[in-house]
Amino acid sequence: MRHVLILGGTTEARRLAELLAPEARTDGTRGVRLRVTSSLAGRVARPVPPPGEVRIGGFGGPEGMARWLRTHGVDALIDATHPFAGTISLHAAEAAASAHVPLLAVRRPGWVPGPGDVWHSAGSLEEVAGLLPGLGRSVFLTTGRTGLAAFAGVAEARFLVRCVDPPTGPVPPYAEVLLDRGPFTLDGERGLLHRHRIDVLVTKDSGGRATAPKLAAAREAGVPVVVVRRPPVPEDVPHVPSPEEAARWVLSR
């Protein structure tokens, strides 16, 4: 039985675990026996568990991950983490090389501005905080609950902060927290922008469809968007854009 470790916590990771379950396979690979373990960072209080085995928590750096790969007899490692989980991707590349385990990354395509979009690019949340006073005073902040301290000194604007779990650190002085989890609808995002009179949207370039409707709603409303660029990832790691392609990679080995 081959052991596959999925570094997850994303929609793609859960979908991959589902595709690798024997009952989901209809292409003649149901006889391929796999042990699938999904690793979650533990940053979400109530994660939706994927099929198969689940471990929660960090590994203790690349050395700890390499040790885990060896100890548990992992035959293939899939990095299906969030595009902004840059550190774990770097650790995965180092650990896989050290433990001589094949590694594949699932990297969802980033968002691309279209006609009518007014986008501003930023390299960090701190850079975003410096841009905001000149862009708007009613900010829809959709960058998650971590990193909010970057906006703790922005008193010129009020913030609508949307995240899955309540923030635990400093928040902007004028902030309303909206606890919600995607996927979101275009109608819902339109209504939210209208009710809160949003005049600037801040997001990370997470990609994917689950949270993309906010971009369409902003375009329709003429609301500018500040997009935080993705952190660098190891360029020499083979990657695919979808869990379906990752499943084919695993099953063909």
Protein backbone atom coordinates (compact mmCIF):
# COMPACT_ATOMS: atom_id res chain seq x y z
CA MET A 1 0.00 0.00 0.00
CA ARG A 2 1.43 3.36 -1.05
CA HIS A 3 1.27 6.23 1.43
CA VAL A 4 0.39 9.72 0.12
CA LEU A 5 0.75 12.80 2.32
CA ILE A 6 -1.29 15.85 1.29
CA LEU A 7 -0.30 19.19 2.79
CA GLY A 8 -3.75 20.70 2.80
CA GLY A 9 -6.31 22.96 4.36
CA THR A 10 -7.57 24.12 0.98
CA THR A 11 -10.47 23.24 -1.31
CA GLU A 12 -8.01 21.62 -3.71
CA ALA A 13 -6.50 19.45 -0.98
CA ARG A 14 -9.88 18.18 0.15
CA ARG A 15 -10.91 17.49 -3.44
CA LEU A 16 -7.69 15.54 -4.02
CA ALA A 17 -8.32 13.38 -0.95
CA GLU A 18 -11.81 12.67 -2.28
CA LEU A 19 -10.49 11.74 -5.72
CA LEU A 20 -7.97 9.31 -4.24
CA ALA A 21 -10.61 7.43 -2.23
CA PRO A 22 -11.24 4.00 -3.87
CA GLU A 23 -15.00 4.58 -4.17
CA ALA A 24 -14.38 7.75 -6.19
CA ARG A 25 -12.27 6.07 -8.84
CA THR A 26 -14.01 4.87 -12.00
CA ASP A 27 -11.06 4.72 -14.40
CA GLY A 28 -9.73 1.25 -13.64
CA THR A 29 -7.50 2.32 -10.73
CA ARG A 30 -9.76 1.12 -7.90
CA GLY A 31 -7.34 -1.73 -7.35
CA VAL A 32 -4.52 0.70 -6.50
CA ARG A 33 -4.29 0.66 -2.72
CA LEU A 34 -3.48 4.02 -1.17
CA ARG A 35 -3.14 5.27 2.36
CA VAL A 36 -3.99 8.98 2.22
CA THR A 37 -3.05 11.34 5.05
CA SER A 38 -4.05 15.01 4.98
CA SER A 39 -1.99 17.40 7.10
CA LEU A 40 -3.75 20.54 8.38
CA ALA A 41 -1.91 23.44 9.98
CA GLY A 42 -4.54 23.86 12.70
CA ARG A 43 -5.16 27.55 12.11
CA VAL A 44 -8.91 27.09 11.59
CA ALA A 45 -10.86 26.24 14.74
CA ARG A 46 -13.35 23.86 13.11
CA PRO A 47 -11.87 22.50 9.87
CA VAL A 48 -13.95 20.28 7.62
CA PRO A 49 -12.11 16.94 7.78
CA PRO A 50 -11.21 15.42 4.38
CA PRO A 51 -11.54 11.70 3.65
CA GLY A 52 -8.77 9.45 4.92
CA GLU A 53 -6.42 10.04 7.82
CA VAL A 54 -5.88 13.53 9.22
CA ARG A 55 -2.99 15.01 11.20
CA ILE A 56 -3.11 18.53 12.65
CA GLY A 57 -0.19 20.78 13.49
CA GLY A 58 3.27 21.66 12.24
CA PHE A 59 6.22 19.37 11.60
CA GLY A 60 8.97 21.38 13.25
CA GLY A 61 10.58 22.77 10.10
CA PRO A 62 11.92 20.93 7.05
CA GLU A 63 13.98 18.55 9.19
CA GLY A 64 10.90 17.53 11.17
CA MET A 65 8.89 17.05 7.99
CA ALA A 66 11.64 14.92 6.42
CA ARG A 67 11.73 12.81 9.57
CA TRP A 68 7.93 12.37 9.43
CA LEU A 69 8.12 11.32 5.78
CA ARG A 70 10.70 8.66 6.58
CA THR A 71 9.06 7.43 9.79
CA HIS A 72 5.64 7.03 8.20
CA GLY A 73 6.85 5.56 4.93
CA VAL A 74 5.49 8.29 2.68
CA ASP A 75 5.78 7.44 -1.03
CA ALA A 76 4.48 10.72 -2.48
CA LEU A 77 4.09 14.24 -1.10
CA ILE A 78 1.51 16.68 -2.46
CA ASP A 79 1.79 20.36 -1.57
CA ALA A 80 -1.80 21.58 -1.92
CA THR A 81 -1.47 24.41 0.59
CA HIS A 82 -2.81 27.94 0.24
CA PRO A 83 -0.91 30.18 -2.20
CA PHE A 84 0.11 32.36 0.75
CA ALA A 85 1.48 29.47 2.82
CA GLY A 86 4.89 30.14 1.32
CA THR A 87 6.95 28.87 4.23
CA ILE A 88 5.43 25.39 4.22
CA SER A 89 6.00 25.11 0.47
CA LEU A 90 9.68 25.91 0.94
CA HIS A 91 9.89 23.38 3.77
CA ALA A 92 8.13 20.74 1.66
CA ALA A 93 10.67 21.11 -1.15
CA GLU A 94 13.59 20.79 1.26
CA ALA A 95 12.05 17.87 3.16
CA ALA A 96 11.12 15.94 0.02
CA ALA A 97 14.65 16.29 -1.33
CA SER A 98 16.15 15.19 1.98
CA ALA A 99 13.86 12.16 2.33
CA HIS A 100 14.01 11.30 -1.38
CA VAL A 101 10.21 11.45 -1.70
CA PRO A 102 8.59 12.59 -4.99
CA LEU A 103 6.90 15.99 -4.60
CA LEU A 104 4.13 17.60 -6.64
CA ALA A 105 2.55 21.00 -5.97
CA VAL A 106 -1.02 21.96 -6.75
CA ARG A 107 -0.92 25.66 -7.57
CA ARG A 108 -4.21 27.27 -8.44
CA PRO A 109 -3.88 29.99 -11.09
CA GLY A 110 -3.85 33.54 -9.80
CA TRP A 111 -6.47 36.13 -10.58
CA VAL A 112 -6.01 38.37 -13.61
CA PRO A 113 -7.65 41.80 -13.98
CA GLY A 114 -10.17 42.20 -16.76
CA PRO A 115 -11.84 45.10 -18.54
CA GLY A 116 -13.26 47.55 -16.05
CA ASP A 117 -11.09 46.42 -13.13
CA VAL A 118 -9.16 49.02 -11.15
CA TRP A 119 -6.45 47.05 -9.39
CA HIS A 120 -3.47 48.15 -7.34
CA SER A 121 -0.68 45.68 -6.59
CA ALA A 122 1.07 45.45 -3.22
CA GLY A 123 3.83 43.26 -1.90
CA SER A 124 2.69 43.15 1.73
CA LEU A 125 -0.12 44.14 4.09
CA GLU A 126 2.08 46.93 5.42
CA GLU A 127 2.31 48.33 1.90
CA VAL A 128 -1.47 48.09 1.58
CA ALA A 129 -1.89 50.10 4.80
CA GLY A 130 0.21 52.87 3.28
CA LEU A 131 -1.92 52.93 0.12
CA LEU A 132 -5.35 53.00 1.75
CA PRO A 133 -5.67 56.66 2.78
CA GLY A 134 -5.49 57.66 -0.87
CA LEU A 135 -7.91 55.01 -2.14
CA GLY A 136 -10.92 54.98 0.17
CA ARG A 137 -12.35 55.32 3.66
CA SER A 138 -14.65 52.27 3.82
CA VAL A 139 -12.47 49.18 3.43
CA PHE A 140 -13.58 45.60 2.83
CA LEU A 141 -10.63 43.61 4.17
CA THR A 142 -10.61 39.96 3.02
CA THR A 143 -7.03 38.95 3.81
CA GLY A 144 -7.89 36.70 6.77
CA ARG A 145 -7.50 37.10 10.51
CA THR A 146 -3.71 37.07 10.57
CA GLY A 147 -1.77 40.20 9.74
CA LEU A 148 -4.44 42.63 10.89
CA ALA A 149 -1.86 44.37 13.06
CA ALA A 150 -0.60 46.01 9.85
CA PHE A 151 -3.77 48.13 9.87
CA ALA A 152 -3.86 48.89 13.60
CA GLY A 153 -2.53 52.38 12.95
CA VAL A 154 -4.95 53.26 10.15
CA ALA A 155 -7.43 55.58 11.86
CA GLU A 156 -8.57 57.37 8.70
CA ALA A 157 -10.78 54.48 7.55
CA ARG A 158 -13.35 52.04 8.85
CA PHE A 159 -12.90 48.37 8.08
CA LEU A 160 -15.20 45.45 7.41
CA VAL A 161 -12.98 42.44 8.21
CA ARG A 162 -14.18 39.09 6.89
CA CYS A 163 -12.56 35.94 8.23
CA VAL A 164 -13.43 32.38 9.24
CA ASP A 165 -12.42 32.65 12.92
CA PRO A 166 -12.29 35.69 15.24
CA PRO A 167 -9.05 37.71 15.17
CA THR A 168 -6.78 37.23 18.18
CA GLY A 169 -4.33 40.11 17.75
CA PRO A 170 -4.50 43.86 17.14
CA VAL A 171 -7.19 45.05 14.72
CA PRO A 172 -7.87 48.41 13.06
CA PRO A 173 -9.34 50.99 15.48
CA TYR A 174 -12.61 51.18 13.55
CA ALA A 175 -13.42 47.63 12.53
CA GLU A 176 -16.44 45.38 12.21
CA VAL A 177 -15.65 41.66 12.05
CA LEU A 178 -17.78 39.44 9.81
CA LEU A 179 -17.29 35.72 10.45
CA ASP A 180 -18.06 33.80 7.28
CA ARG A 181 -16.66 31.03 5.11
CA GLY A 182 -16.80 30.75 1.31
CA PRO A 183 -17.81 29.98 -1.29
CA PHE A 184 -19.57 33.29 -1.80
CA THR A 185 -22.11 34.35 -4.42
CA LEU A 186 -22.08 37.38 -6.68
CA ASP A 187 -25.45 38.57 -5.37
CA GLY A 188 -24.25 38.22 -1.81
CA GLU A 189 -21.09 40.23 -2.50
CA ARG A 190 -23.05 42.91 -4.35
CA GLY A 191 -25.34 43.32 -1.35
CA LEU A 192 -22.45 43.42 1.10
CA LEU A 193 -20.62 46.18 -0.82
CA HIS A 194 -23.84 48.19 -1.01
CA ARG A 195 -24.89 47.79 2.64
CA HIS A 196 -21.50 48.75 4.01
CA ARG A 197 -20.86 51.45 1.39
CA ILE A 198 -17.51 49.89 0.55
CA ASP A 199 -15.24 52.08 -1.56
CA VAL A 200 -12.09 49.91 -1.60
CA LEU A 201 -11.54 46.16 -1.47
CA VAL A 202 -8.35 44.53 -0.14
CA THR A 203 -7.60 40.92 -0.99
CA LYS A 204 -4.75 38.49 -1.45
CA ASP A 205 -4.20 36.91 -4.85
CA SER A 206 -5.58 33.59 -3.61
CA GLY A 207 -7.03 32.58 -6.96
CA GLY A 208 -9.81 30.04 -7.33
CA ARG A 209 -13.57 30.43 -7.67
CA ALA A 210 -14.75 30.28 -4.06
CA THR A 211 -13.97 33.92 -3.24
CA ALA A 212 -13.75 35.40 -6.75
CA PRO A 213 -17.29 36.90 -6.82
CA LYS A 214 -16.10 39.84 -4.70
CA LEU A 215 -13.87 40.89 -7.60
CA ALA A 216 -16.80 40.88 -10.03
CA ALA A 217 -18.93 42.83 -7.55
CA ALA A 218 -16.16 45.40 -7.12
CA ARG A 219 -15.82 45.74 -10.90
CA GLU A 220 -19.55 46.37 -11.29
CA ALA A 221 -19.55 48.96 -8.51
CA GLY A 222 -16.41 50.72 -9.72
CA VAL A 223 -14.65 49.90 -6.45
CA PRO A 224 -10.83 49.81 -6.62
CA VAL A 225 -9.12 46.61 -5.46
CA VAL A 226 -5.77 46.29 -3.74
CA VAL A 227 -4.29 42.85 -4.50
CA VAL A 228 -1.46 41.46 -2.38
CA ARG A 229 1.00 39.53 -4.52
CA ARG A 230 1.82 35.92 -3.75
CA PRO A 231 5.03 35.00 -1.93
CA PRO A 232 7.73 33.17 -3.89
CA VAL A 233 7.61 29.38 -4.16
CA PRO A 234 10.29 26.88 -5.21
CA GLU A 235 10.47 27.14 -8.99
CA ASP A 236 11.98 23.70 -9.52
CA VAL A 237 9.06 21.78 -7.98
CA PRO A 238 6.77 20.11 -10.57
CA HIS A 239 3.27 21.55 -10.32
CA VAL A 240 -0.22 21.22 -11.75
CA PRO A 241 -3.18 23.62 -11.57
CA SER A 242 -5.88 21.22 -10.37
CA PRO A 243 -6.52 18.34 -7.95
CA GLU A 244 -7.72 16.20 -10.86
CA GLU A 245 -4.28 16.38 -12.47
CA ALA A 246 -2.63 15.70 -9.13
CA ALA A 247 -4.78 12.59 -8.68
CA ARG A 248 -3.73 11.31 -12.09
CA TRP A 249 -0.08 11.88 -11.13
CA VAL A 250 -0.46 9.88 -7.93
CA LEU A 251 -2.37 7.01 -9.52
CA SER A 252 0.03 6.71 -12.44
CA ARG A 253 3.11 6.20 -10.28
